[in-house]
């Protein structure tokens, strides 16, 4: 797996996690998905931020 393929997959995972987190947050606020705990939504959002930072660092400091 080369650098661009890995970075593309990381960016796609950021988008997916961020999209799910925002969608769950909105649907929970509307009262549709009330059974999802707030901690799960925060984990999705913080996971997206963490993967985004890792993707940036991986692209910036790629040595091979």
Protein backbone atom coordinates (compact mmCIF):
# COMPACT_ATOMS: atom_id res chain seq x y z
CA UNK A 1 0.00 0.00 0.00
CA UNK A 2 1.55 3.28 -1.04
CA UNK A 3 1.35 6.67 0.65
CA UNK A 4 -1.48 8.08 -1.45
CA UNK A 5 -3.67 5.03 -1.04
CA UNK A 6 -3.23 5.06 2.75
CA UNK A 7 -3.87 8.79 2.97
CA UNK A 8 -7.01 8.48 0.83
CA UNK A 9 -8.36 5.75 3.09
CA UNK A 10 -7.62 7.84 6.18
CA UNK A 11 -9.38 10.88 4.72
CA UNK A 12 -12.38 8.72 3.78
CA UNK A 13 -12.56 7.37 7.33
CA UNK A 14 -12.48 10.94 8.70
CA UNK A 15 -15.41 11.84 6.48
CA UNK A 16 -17.38 8.75 7.43
CA UNK A 17 -16.82 9.16 11.18
CA UNK A 18 -17.51 12.89 11.06
CA UNK A 19 -20.65 12.37 8.98
CA UNK A 20 -21.96 9.65 11.27
CA UNK A 21 -21.21 11.70 14.38
CA UNK A 22 -23.01 14.77 13.07
CA UNK A 23 -25.94 12.75 11.73
CA UNK A 24 -26.37 10.89 15.05
CA UNK A 25 -26.07 14.16 16.96
CA UNK A 26 -28.79 15.82 14.86
CA UNK A 27 -31.09 12.80 14.96
CA UNK A 28 -30.61 12.47 18.71
CA UNK A 29 -31.42 16.15 19.16
CA UNK A 30 -34.62 15.72 17.16
CA UNK A 31 -35.59 12.81 19.43
CA UNK A 32 -35.40 10.12 16.76
CA UNK A 33 -32.32 8.25 18.03
CA UNK A 34 -32.65 8.79 21.77
CA UNK A 35 -31.20 5.38 22.65
CA UNK A 36 -27.67 6.32 21.49
CA UNK A 37 -25.58 7.60 24.42
CA UNK A 38 -23.83 10.93 24.07
CA UNK A 39 -20.47 9.28 24.78
CA UNK A 40 -20.73 7.25 21.59
CA UNK A 41 -21.31 10.40 19.55
CA UNK A 42 -18.33 12.12 21.18
CA UNK A 43 -16.17 9.06 20.49
CA UNK A 44 -17.10 9.26 16.80
CA UNK A 45 -16.24 12.96 16.65
CA UNK A 46 -12.97 12.63 18.58
CA UNK A 47 -12.07 9.57 16.51
CA UNK A 48 -12.51 11.63 13.34
CA UNK A 49 -10.29 14.36 14.76
CA UNK A 50 -7.65 11.82 15.80
CA UNK A 51 -7.59 10.10 12.42
CA UNK A 52 -7.44 13.51 10.71
CA UNK A 53 -4.40 14.52 12.75
CA UNK A 54 -2.75 11.16 12.06
CA UNK A 55 -3.47 11.56 8.33
CA UNK A 56 -1.90 15.02 8.33
CA UNK A 57 1.19 13.84 10.18
CA UNK A 58 1.50 10.75 8.00
CA UNK A 59 1.39 12.85 4.84
CA UNK A 60 3.75 15.51 6.19
CA UNK A 61 6.42 13.23 7.64
CA UNK A 62 6.38 10.30 5.22
CA UNK A 63 9.96 8.99 5.08
CA UNK A 64 9.77 6.02 2.75
